[in-house]
Amino acid sequence: MQTAETITIVLHIISSLVLIAVVLLQSGRTAGLSGSIAGGAETFFGKNKGRTIDAKLEKWTAFFAILFLATSIALSLLIRMIASGGAATQ
């Protein structure tokens, strides 16, 4: 049980650090109303909209957010199991 907890903690820390980095690398959306209209038209009619850096960063953000959520739930369950005495810690 100690090994599973250690692996989950390491994955949780890595996913949180990568998630922070990926979110900080994304471009801001503070262009106002005119920028959002022009930006929406550009993404709707633009070529290779799935191959841009922002699109890749959005995919990585979703992946690491799901990984972060999964490791959070796994850690919660592991800690609850250890606290209830369901598994030996050594």
N, C-alpha and C. Protein backbone atom coordinates (compact mmCIF):
# COMPACT_ATOMS: atom_id res chain seq x y z
N MET A 1 0.83 -1.19 0.00
CA MET A 1 0.00 0.00 0.00
C MET A 1 0.87 1.25 0.00
N GLN A 2 2.02 1.16 0.65
CA GLN A 2 2.94 2.30 0.70
C GLN A 2 3.43 2.65 -0.70
N THR A 3 3.68 1.65 -1.54
CA THR A 3 4.15 1.90 -2.90
C THR A 3 3.09 2.60 -3.74
N ALA A 4 1.86 2.17 -3.63
CA ALA A 4 0.77 2.79 -4.38
C ALA A 4 0.59 4.24 -3.95
N GLU A 5 0.70 4.49 -2.67
CA GLU A 5 0.55 5.86 -2.18
C GLU A 5 1.70 6.74 -2.69
N THR A 6 2.91 6.21 -2.68
CA THR A 6 4.07 6.98 -3.15
C THR A 6 3.96 7.29 -4.63
N ILE A 7 3.58 6.31 -5.43
CA ILE A 7 3.43 6.51 -6.87
C ILE A 7 2.34 7.54 -7.16
N THR A 8 1.24 7.46 -6.43
CA THR A 8 0.14 8.39 -6.62
C THR A 8 0.54 9.81 -6.23
N ILE A 9 1.30 9.95 -5.16
CA ILE A 9 1.76 11.28 -4.74
C ILE A 9 2.70 11.87 -5.78
N VAL A 10 3.62 11.05 -6.31
CA VAL A 10 4.55 11.54 -7.33
C VAL A 10 3.79 11.97 -8.59
N LEU A 11 2.83 11.16 -9.04
CA LEU A 11 2.01 11.52 -10.20
C LEU A 11 1.22 12.80 -9.94
N HIS A 12 0.72 12.95 -8.72
CA HIS A 12 -0.06 14.13 -8.36
C HIS A 12 0.81 15.39 -8.42
N ILE A 13 2.01 15.31 -7.90
CA ILE A 13 2.90 16.47 -7.91
C ILE A 13 3.32 16.82 -9.33
N ILE A 14 3.66 15.81 -10.12
CA ILE A 14 4.06 16.06 -11.51
C ILE A 14 2.91 16.66 -12.31
N SER A 15 1.71 16.09 -12.15
CA SER A 15 0.57 16.61 -12.90
C SER A 15 0.23 18.03 -12.49
N SER A 16 0.37 18.36 -11.21
CA SER A 16 0.07 19.72 -10.77
C SER A 16 1.08 20.72 -11.32
N LEU A 17 2.36 20.36 -11.33
CA LEU A 17 3.37 21.27 -11.85
C LEU A 17 3.22 21.48 -13.36
N VAL A 18 2.96 20.40 -14.08
CA VAL A 18 2.78 20.52 -15.53
C VAL A 18 1.50 21.29 -15.85
N LEU A 19 0.45 21.08 -15.08
CA LEU A 19 -0.79 21.81 -15.28
C LEU A 19 -0.59 23.31 -15.07
N ILE A 20 0.16 23.68 -14.06
CA ILE A 20 0.46 25.10 -13.83
C ILE A 20 1.23 25.67 -15.00
N ALA A 21 2.25 24.94 -15.47
CA ALA A 21 3.08 25.43 -16.58
C ALA A 21 2.28 25.57 -17.86
N VAL A 22 1.41 24.60 -18.16
CA VAL A 22 0.63 24.64 -19.39
C VAL A 22 -0.37 25.79 -19.36
N VAL A 23 -0.98 26.02 -18.22
CA VAL A 23 -1.94 27.13 -18.12
C VAL A 23 -1.22 28.47 -18.27
N LEU A 24 -0.04 28.59 -17.69
CA LEU A 24 0.70 29.84 -17.81
C LEU A 24 1.22 30.09 -19.22
N LEU A 25 1.43 29.04 -19.99
CA LEU A 25 1.90 29.20 -21.37
C LEU A 25 0.81 29.64 -22.33
N GLN A 26 -0.45 29.47 -21.96
CA GLN A 26 -1.53 29.83 -22.86
C GLN A 26 -1.66 31.35 -22.97
N SER A 27 -2.12 31.78 -24.14
CA SER A 27 -2.29 33.21 -24.35
C SER A 27 -3.54 33.70 -23.63
N GLY A 28 -3.50 34.96 -23.22
CA GLY A 28 -4.62 35.54 -22.49
C GLY A 28 -5.79 35.85 -23.38
N ARG A 29 -6.97 35.94 -22.80
CA ARG A 29 -8.18 36.25 -23.55
C ARG A 29 -8.72 37.61 -23.13
N THR A 30 -7.85 38.59 -22.98
CA THR A 30 -8.25 39.89 -22.45
C THR A 30 -8.36 40.95 -23.54
N ALA A 31 -8.71 40.58 -24.74
CA ALA A 31 -8.79 41.54 -25.84
C ALA A 31 -10.10 42.32 -25.84
N GLY A 32 -11.01 42.01 -24.96
CA GLY A 32 -12.29 42.71 -24.93
C GLY A 32 -13.28 42.12 -25.92
N LEU A 33 -14.40 42.80 -26.11
CA LEU A 33 -15.46 42.29 -26.98
C LEU A 33 -15.03 42.25 -28.44
N SER A 34 -14.33 43.26 -28.90
CA SER A 34 -13.91 43.27 -30.31
C SER A 34 -12.91 42.16 -30.57
N GLY A 35 -12.03 41.91 -29.63
CA GLY A 35 -11.06 40.84 -29.80
C GLY A 35 -11.71 39.47 -29.77
N SER A 36 -12.76 39.32 -28.98
CA SER A 36 -13.42 38.03 -28.92
C SER A 36 -14.21 37.75 -30.19
N ILE A 37 -14.80 38.79 -30.78
CA ILE A 37 -15.53 38.59 -32.04
C ILE A 37 -14.56 38.27 -33.17
N ALA A 38 -13.49 39.04 -33.26
CA ALA A 38 -12.50 38.80 -34.31
C ALA A 38 -11.79 37.47 -34.08
N GLY A 39 -11.50 37.16 -32.83
CA GLY A 39 -10.85 35.89 -32.52
C GLY A 39 -11.74 34.70 -32.82
N GLY A 40 -13.03 34.85 -32.56
CA GLY A 40 -13.97 33.77 -32.86
C GLY A 40 -14.08 33.53 -34.35
N ALA A 41 -14.10 34.60 -35.13
CA ALA A 41 -14.16 34.45 -36.58
C ALA A 41 -12.87 33.83 -37.10
N GLU A 42 -11.77 34.21 -36.50
CA GLU A 42 -10.49 33.67 -36.94
C GLU A 42 -10.39 32.18 -36.66
N THR A 43 -10.85 31.75 -35.50
CA THR A 43 -10.77 30.32 -35.20
C THR A 43 -11.82 29.53 -35.98
N PHE A 44 -12.95 30.16 -36.29
CA PHE A 44 -13.98 29.45 -37.04
C PHE A 44 -13.58 29.27 -38.50
N PHE A 45 -13.04 30.31 -39.11
CA PHE A 45 -12.70 30.26 -40.52
C PHE A 45 -11.22 29.98 -40.78
N GLY A 46 -10.41 29.96 -39.74
CA GLY A 46 -8.97 29.80 -39.92
C GLY A 46 -8.58 28.39 -40.33
N LYS A 47 -7.43 28.30 -40.98
CA LYS A 47 -6.91 26.99 -41.38
C LYS A 47 -6.15 26.38 -40.21
N ASN A 48 -6.13 25.07 -40.19
CA ASN A 48 -5.36 24.30 -39.21
C ASN A 48 -5.65 24.73 -37.77
N LYS A 49 -6.92 24.91 -37.47
CA LYS A 49 -7.25 25.39 -36.13
C LYS A 49 -6.95 24.35 -35.05
N GLY A 50 -6.85 23.09 -35.42
CA GLY A 50 -6.51 22.07 -34.45
C GLY A 50 -5.02 21.88 -34.28
N ARG A 51 -4.21 22.53 -35.11
CA ARG A 51 -2.77 22.34 -35.06
C ARG A 51 -2.02 23.52 -34.48
N THR A 52 -2.72 24.50 -33.99
CA THR A 52 -2.04 25.67 -33.43
C THR A 52 -1.50 25.33 -32.05
N ILE A 53 -0.61 26.18 -31.58
CA ILE A 53 -0.03 25.99 -30.26
C ILE A 53 -1.11 26.05 -29.18
N ASP A 54 -2.04 27.01 -29.33
CA ASP A 54 -3.10 27.15 -28.34
C ASP A 54 -3.98 25.91 -28.28
N ALA A 55 -4.25 25.30 -29.43
CA ALA A 55 -5.07 24.08 -29.45
C ALA A 55 -4.35 22.93 -28.76
N LYS A 56 -3.05 22.82 -29.00
CA LYS A 56 -2.28 21.76 -28.33
C LYS A 56 -2.22 22.00 -26.83
N LEU A 57 -2.05 23.26 -26.44
CA LEU A 57 -2.01 23.57 -25.01
C LEU A 57 -3.35 23.28 -24.34
N GLU A 58 -4.45 23.54 -25.05
CA GLU A 58 -5.77 23.22 -24.49
C GLU A 58 -5.93 21.72 -24.29
N LYS A 59 -5.45 20.92 -25.24
CA LYS A 59 -5.53 19.45 -25.10
C LYS A 59 -4.68 18.97 -23.93
N TRP A 60 -3.48 19.52 -23.80
CA TRP A 60 -2.62 19.14 -22.68
C TRP A 60 -3.22 19.59 -21.35
N THR A 61 -3.86 20.74 -21.35
CA THR A 61 -4.51 21.22 -20.13
C THR A 61 -5.62 20.26 -19.70
N ALA A 62 -6.42 19.85 -20.64
CA ALA A 62 -7.51 18.91 -20.32
C ALA A 62 -6.95 17.59 -19.82
N PHE A 63 -5.90 17.09 -20.47
CA PHE A 63 -5.31 15.80 -20.07
C PHE A 63 -4.77 15.88 -18.65
N PHE A 64 -3.98 16.91 -18.35
CA PHE A 64 -3.38 16.99 -17.03
C PHE A 64 -4.39 17.39 -15.96
N ALA A 65 -5.46 18.08 -16.33
CA ALA A 65 -6.52 18.36 -15.36
C ALA A 65 -7.24 17.08 -14.96
N ILE A 66 -7.49 16.21 -15.93
CA ILE A 66 -8.12 14.93 -15.63
C ILE A 66 -7.19 14.06 -14.79
N LEU A 67 -5.90 14.05 -15.14
CA LEU A 67 -4.92 13.28 -14.35
C LEU A 67 -4.84 13.80 -12.93
N PHE A 68 -4.84 15.13 -12.77
CA PHE A 68 -4.80 15.73 -11.44
C PHE A 68 -6.04 15.35 -10.63
N LEU A 69 -7.20 15.38 -11.26
CA LEU A 69 -8.44 15.00 -10.58
C LEU A 69 -8.42 13.53 -10.17
N ALA A 70 -7.95 12.68 -11.07
CA ALA A 70 -7.90 11.24 -10.78
C ALA A 70 -6.93 10.93 -9.64
N THR A 71 -5.78 11.59 -9.64
CA THR A 71 -4.83 11.34 -8.55
C THR A 71 -5.34 11.92 -7.23
N SER A 72 -6.09 13.01 -7.29
CA SER A 72 -6.67 13.56 -6.06
C SER A 72 -7.67 12.59 -5.45
N ILE A 73 -8.51 12.01 -6.30
CA ILE A 73 -9.50 11.04 -5.81
C ILE A 73 -8.80 9.79 -5.30
N ALA A 74 -7.78 9.32 -6.02
CA ALA A 74 -7.05 8.13 -5.58
C ALA A 74 -6.35 8.36 -4.24
N LEU A 75 -5.74 9.52 -4.07
CA LEU A 75 -5.10 9.83 -2.79
C LEU A 75 -6.11 9.89 -1.66
N SER A 76 -7.26 10.46 -1.94
CA SER A 76 -8.31 10.54 -0.92
C SER A 76 -8.75 9.14 -0.49
N LEU A 77 -8.94 8.28 -1.46
CA LEU A 77 -9.36 6.91 -1.14
C LEU A 77 -8.26 6.13 -0.42
N LEU A 78 -7.01 6.30 -0.85
CA LEU A 78 -5.90 5.62 -0.18
C LEU A 78 -5.75 6.07 1.27
N ILE A 79 -5.85 7.36 1.50
CA ILE A 79 -5.71 7.88 2.87
C ILE A 79 -6.86 7.43 3.74
N ARG A 80 -8.06 7.40 3.17
CA ARG A 80 -9.22 6.92 3.94
C ARG A 80 -9.07 5.44 4.28
N MET A 81 -8.55 4.66 3.34
CA MET A 81 -8.36 3.23 3.57
C MET A 81 -7.31 2.99 4.65
N ILE A 82 -6.24 3.76 4.62
CA ILE A 82 -5.19 3.60 5.62
C ILE A 82 -5.68 4.06 6.99
N ALA A 83 -6.43 5.14 7.04
CA ALA A 83 -6.93 5.68 8.30
C ALA A 83 -7.94 4.74 8.96
N SER A 84 -8.72 4.04 8.13
CA SER A 84 -9.73 3.14 8.71
C SER A 84 -9.13 1.81 9.15
N GLY A 85 -7.85 1.59 8.85
CA GLY A 85 -7.21 0.36 9.26
C GLY A 85 -7.45 -0.78 8.28
N GLY A 86 -7.90 -0.46 7.09
CA GLY A 86 -8.18 -1.49 6.10
C GLY A 86 -6.95 -2.12 5.51
N ALA A 87 -5.82 -1.45 5.62
CA ALA A 87 -4.58 -1.99 5.06
C ALA A 87 -3.44 -1.72 6.02
N ALA A 88 -2.53 -2.64 6.06
CA ALA A 88 -1.35 -2.47 6.91
C ALA A 88 -0.42 -1.46 6.25
N THR A 89 0.16 -0.60 7.05
CA THR A 89 1.04 0.43 6.50
C THR A 89 2.46 -0.08 6.30
N GLN A 90 2.81 -1.22 6.87
CA GLN A 90 4.16 -1.75 6.70
C GLN A 90 4.12 -3.19 6.26
